[in-house]
Amino acid sequence: MNNIANELLGKALDKQVPYTWHSLNRVQLDDVMKEFAELIVREAAELVKRASISKVGHTWRSADYVVLEHFGVDK
């Protein structure tokens, strides 16, 4: 994963436990992970909406490739 995932996790931590997240309990950690997952899904959905199929040079890329590339995940 690239820095986008880390940035989204940081946003999730800031939203769910802005006071401090150095000593999360299980409920807080679950809330953070849920928020993080929702942010990733929303980010991926936005990518698909903007570029369900995009053309780079003479190469067409499918939406799944665009999402994987955006998050730095190898296909």
N, C-alpha and C. Protein backbone atom coordinates (compact mmCIF):
# COMPACT_ATOMS: atom_id res chain seq x y z
N MET A 1 0.85 -1.19 0.00
CA MET A 1 0.00 0.00 0.00
C MET A 1 0.88 1.24 0.00
N ASN A 2 0.38 2.31 -0.57
CA ASN A 2 1.15 3.53 -0.61
C ASN A 2 0.67 4.51 0.46
N ASN A 3 1.10 5.74 0.39
CA ASN A 3 0.79 6.73 1.42
C ASN A 3 -0.68 7.11 1.51
N ILE A 4 -1.46 6.84 0.47
CA ILE A 4 -2.88 7.17 0.51
C ILE A 4 -3.56 6.38 1.63
N ALA A 5 -3.24 5.10 1.75
CA ALA A 5 -3.83 4.28 2.82
C ALA A 5 -3.44 4.82 4.19
N ASN A 6 -2.18 5.21 4.35
CA ASN A 6 -1.74 5.78 5.63
C ASN A 6 -2.46 7.08 5.93
N GLU A 7 -2.67 7.90 4.91
CA GLU A 7 -3.37 9.17 5.09
C GLU A 7 -4.82 8.92 5.52
N LEU A 8 -5.47 7.94 4.89
CA LEU A 8 -6.85 7.62 5.26
C LEU A 8 -6.93 7.06 6.67
N LEU A 9 -5.97 6.23 7.06
CA LEU A 9 -5.95 5.71 8.43
C LEU A 9 -5.77 6.86 9.42
N GLY A 10 -4.90 7.81 9.10
CA GLY A 10 -4.72 8.98 9.96
C GLY A 10 -6.01 9.77 10.12
N LYS A 11 -6.76 9.93 9.03
CA LYS A 11 -8.05 10.63 9.10
C LYS A 11 -9.04 9.86 9.98
N ALA A 12 -9.04 8.53 9.83
CA ALA A 12 -9.94 7.71 10.65
C ALA A 12 -9.60 7.84 12.13
N LEU A 13 -8.31 7.79 12.45
CA LEU A 13 -7.89 7.94 13.84
C LEU A 13 -8.26 9.31 14.38
N ASP A 14 -8.04 10.36 13.59
CA ASP A 14 -8.38 11.71 14.02
C ASP A 14 -9.87 11.87 14.27
N LYS A 15 -10.70 11.23 13.44
CA LYS A 15 -12.14 11.36 13.60
C LYS A 15 -12.66 10.54 14.77
N GLN A 16 -12.19 9.33 14.93
CA GLN A 16 -12.74 8.43 15.95
C GLN A 16 -12.14 8.65 17.34
N VAL A 17 -10.87 8.99 17.42
CA VAL A 17 -10.21 9.17 18.72
C VAL A 17 -9.26 10.37 18.65
N PRO A 18 -9.81 11.57 18.45
CA PRO A 18 -8.95 12.73 18.27
C PRO A 18 -8.16 13.12 19.53
N TYR A 19 -8.65 12.73 20.70
CA TYR A 19 -7.99 13.11 21.94
C TYR A 19 -6.66 12.37 22.10
N THR A 20 -6.62 11.13 21.83
CA THR A 20 -5.38 10.35 21.81
C THR A 20 -5.69 8.96 21.31
N TRP A 21 -4.79 8.41 20.55
CA TRP A 21 -5.02 7.04 20.08
C TRP A 21 -3.84 6.14 20.42
N HIS A 22 -3.06 6.54 21.40
CA HIS A 22 -1.91 5.74 21.84
C HIS A 22 -2.34 4.59 22.74
N SER A 23 -3.50 4.71 23.34
CA SER A 23 -3.97 3.64 24.24
C SER A 23 -5.41 3.28 23.89
N LEU A 24 -5.61 2.77 22.69
CA LEU A 24 -6.95 2.40 22.24
C LEU A 24 -7.44 1.14 22.94
N ASN A 25 -8.71 1.15 23.34
CA ASN A 25 -9.31 -0.09 23.81
C ASN A 25 -9.92 -0.80 22.61
N ARG A 26 -10.46 -1.98 22.81
CA ARG A 26 -10.96 -2.80 21.70
C ARG A 26 -12.11 -2.13 20.95
N VAL A 27 -13.02 -1.49 21.66
CA VAL A 27 -14.15 -0.80 21.02
C VAL A 27 -13.65 0.35 20.16
N GLN A 28 -12.71 1.13 20.68
CA GLN A 28 -12.15 2.24 19.91
C GLN A 28 -11.42 1.73 18.67
N LEU A 29 -10.65 0.68 18.84
CA LEU A 29 -9.92 0.12 17.70
C LEU A 29 -10.90 -0.36 16.63
N ASP A 30 -11.98 -1.00 17.04
CA ASP A 30 -13.00 -1.43 16.09
C ASP A 30 -13.61 -0.24 15.35
N ASP A 31 -13.89 0.86 16.08
CA ASP A 31 -14.43 2.06 15.46
C ASP A 31 -13.46 2.64 14.43
N VAL A 32 -12.18 2.65 14.77
CA VAL A 32 -11.15 3.17 13.85
C VAL A 32 -11.08 2.30 12.60
N MET A 33 -11.06 0.99 12.78
CA MET A 33 -10.97 0.11 11.62
C MET A 33 -12.20 0.23 10.73
N LYS A 34 -13.38 0.40 11.32
CA LYS A 34 -14.60 0.58 10.52
C LYS A 34 -14.52 1.88 9.73
N GLU A 35 -14.11 2.95 10.38
CA GLU A 35 -13.99 4.25 9.70
C GLU A 35 -12.95 4.17 8.58
N PHE A 36 -11.82 3.53 8.84
CA PHE A 36 -10.76 3.37 7.85
C PHE A 36 -11.29 2.61 6.63
N ALA A 37 -12.00 1.52 6.86
CA ALA A 37 -12.54 0.73 5.76
C ALA A 37 -13.53 1.55 4.95
N GLU A 38 -14.39 2.31 5.62
CA GLU A 38 -15.37 3.14 4.91
C GLU A 38 -14.67 4.20 4.06
N LEU A 39 -13.61 4.81 4.58
CA LEU A 39 -12.86 5.80 3.81
C LEU A 39 -12.22 5.18 2.57
N ILE A 40 -11.68 3.99 2.71
CA ILE A 40 -11.07 3.32 1.56
C ILE A 40 -12.13 3.01 0.51
N VAL A 41 -13.27 2.49 0.93
CA VAL A 41 -14.33 2.16 -0.02
C VAL A 41 -14.83 3.42 -0.72
N ARG A 42 -15.02 4.50 0.03
CA ARG A 42 -15.46 5.76 -0.59
C ARG A 42 -14.43 6.28 -1.59
N GLU A 43 -13.16 6.20 -1.24
CA GLU A 43 -12.07 6.63 -2.13
C GLU A 43 -12.09 5.80 -3.41
N ALA A 44 -12.24 4.48 -3.27
CA ALA A 44 -12.28 3.60 -4.43
C ALA A 44 -13.51 3.88 -5.30
N ALA A 45 -14.65 4.09 -4.67
CA ALA A 45 -15.87 4.39 -5.42
C ALA A 45 -15.72 5.69 -6.21
N GLU A 46 -15.10 6.68 -5.60
CA GLU A 46 -14.88 7.95 -6.29
C GLU A 46 -13.96 7.76 -7.50
N LEU A 47 -12.93 6.95 -7.34
CA LEU A 47 -12.04 6.66 -8.47
C LEU A 47 -12.79 6.00 -9.61
N VAL A 48 -13.62 5.03 -9.28
CA VAL A 48 -14.39 4.32 -10.30
C VAL A 48 -15.35 5.28 -10.99
N LYS A 49 -15.96 6.15 -10.21
CA LYS A 49 -16.89 7.13 -10.77
C LYS A 49 -16.18 8.07 -11.76
N ARG A 50 -14.98 8.51 -11.40
CA ARG A 50 -14.24 9.45 -12.25
C ARG A 50 -13.59 8.78 -13.45
N ALA A 51 -13.20 7.52 -13.28
CA ALA A 51 -12.42 6.89 -14.35
C ALA A 51 -12.74 5.40 -14.44
N SER A 52 -13.98 5.07 -14.77
CA SER A 52 -14.31 3.65 -14.86
C SER A 52 -13.45 2.97 -15.90
N ILE A 53 -13.17 3.67 -16.96
CA ILE A 53 -12.15 3.22 -17.91
C ILE A 53 -11.40 4.46 -18.35
N SER A 54 -10.09 4.44 -18.17
CA SER A 54 -9.31 5.60 -18.56
C SER A 54 -8.29 5.19 -19.61
N LYS A 55 -7.94 6.14 -20.44
CA LYS A 55 -6.97 5.87 -21.49
C LYS A 55 -5.68 6.60 -21.15
N VAL A 56 -4.59 5.86 -21.14
CA VAL A 56 -3.27 6.44 -20.91
C VAL A 56 -2.45 6.16 -22.16
N GLY A 57 -2.13 7.21 -22.88
CA GLY A 57 -1.45 7.01 -24.14
C GLY A 57 -2.35 6.22 -25.07
N HIS A 58 -1.87 5.06 -25.52
CA HIS A 58 -2.66 4.21 -26.39
C HIS A 58 -3.17 2.98 -25.65
N THR A 59 -3.12 3.00 -24.31
CA THR A 59 -3.50 1.85 -23.50
C THR A 59 -4.75 2.15 -22.69
N TRP A 60 -5.75 1.28 -22.79
CA TRP A 60 -6.96 1.40 -21.98
C TRP A 60 -6.75 0.65 -20.68
N ARG A 61 -7.17 1.25 -19.57
CA ARG A 61 -7.04 0.61 -18.26
C ARG A 61 -8.43 0.43 -17.67
N SER A 62 -8.69 -0.73 -17.09
CA SER A 62 -9.98 -1.00 -16.47
C SER A 62 -10.06 -0.31 -15.11
N ALA A 63 -11.28 -0.19 -14.59
CA ALA A 63 -11.50 0.49 -13.31
C ALA A 63 -10.77 -0.21 -12.18
N ASP A 64 -10.75 -1.56 -12.18
CA ASP A 64 -10.05 -2.25 -11.10
C ASP A 64 -8.56 -1.93 -11.13
N TYR A 65 -7.98 -1.80 -12.30
CA TYR A 65 -6.57 -1.45 -12.41
C TYR A 65 -6.32 -0.04 -11.87
N VAL A 66 -7.22 0.89 -12.19
CA VAL A 66 -7.09 2.27 -11.71
C VAL A 66 -7.12 2.31 -10.19
N VAL A 67 -8.04 1.55 -9.56
CA VAL A 67 -8.15 1.52 -8.10
C VAL A 67 -6.90 0.90 -7.48
N LEU A 68 -6.48 -0.25 -8.00
CA LEU A 68 -5.29 -0.91 -7.45
C LEU A 68 -4.06 -0.01 -7.58
N GLU A 69 -3.90 0.61 -8.72
CA GLU A 69 -2.76 1.51 -8.93
C GLU A 69 -2.81 2.70 -7.96
N HIS A 70 -4.00 3.27 -7.78
CA HIS A 70 -4.16 4.43 -6.88
C HIS A 70 -3.71 4.11 -5.46
N PHE A 71 -4.03 2.90 -4.99
CA PHE A 71 -3.66 2.50 -3.64
C PHE A 71 -2.31 1.82 -3.56
N GLY A 72 -1.64 1.67 -4.70
CA GLY A 72 -0.29 1.08 -4.69
C GLY A 72 -0.29 -0.41 -4.43
N VAL A 73 -1.35 -1.11 -4.89
CA VAL A 73 -1.45 -2.55 -4.70
C VAL A 73 -1.15 -3.22 -6.04
N ASP A 74 -0.27 -4.23 -6.01
CA ASP A 74 0.07 -4.96 -7.22
C ASP A 74 -1.10 -5.84 -7.63
N LYS A 75 -1.32 -5.93 -8.93
CA LYS A 75 -2.41 -6.77 -9.44
C LYS A 75 -1.96 -8.19 -9.57
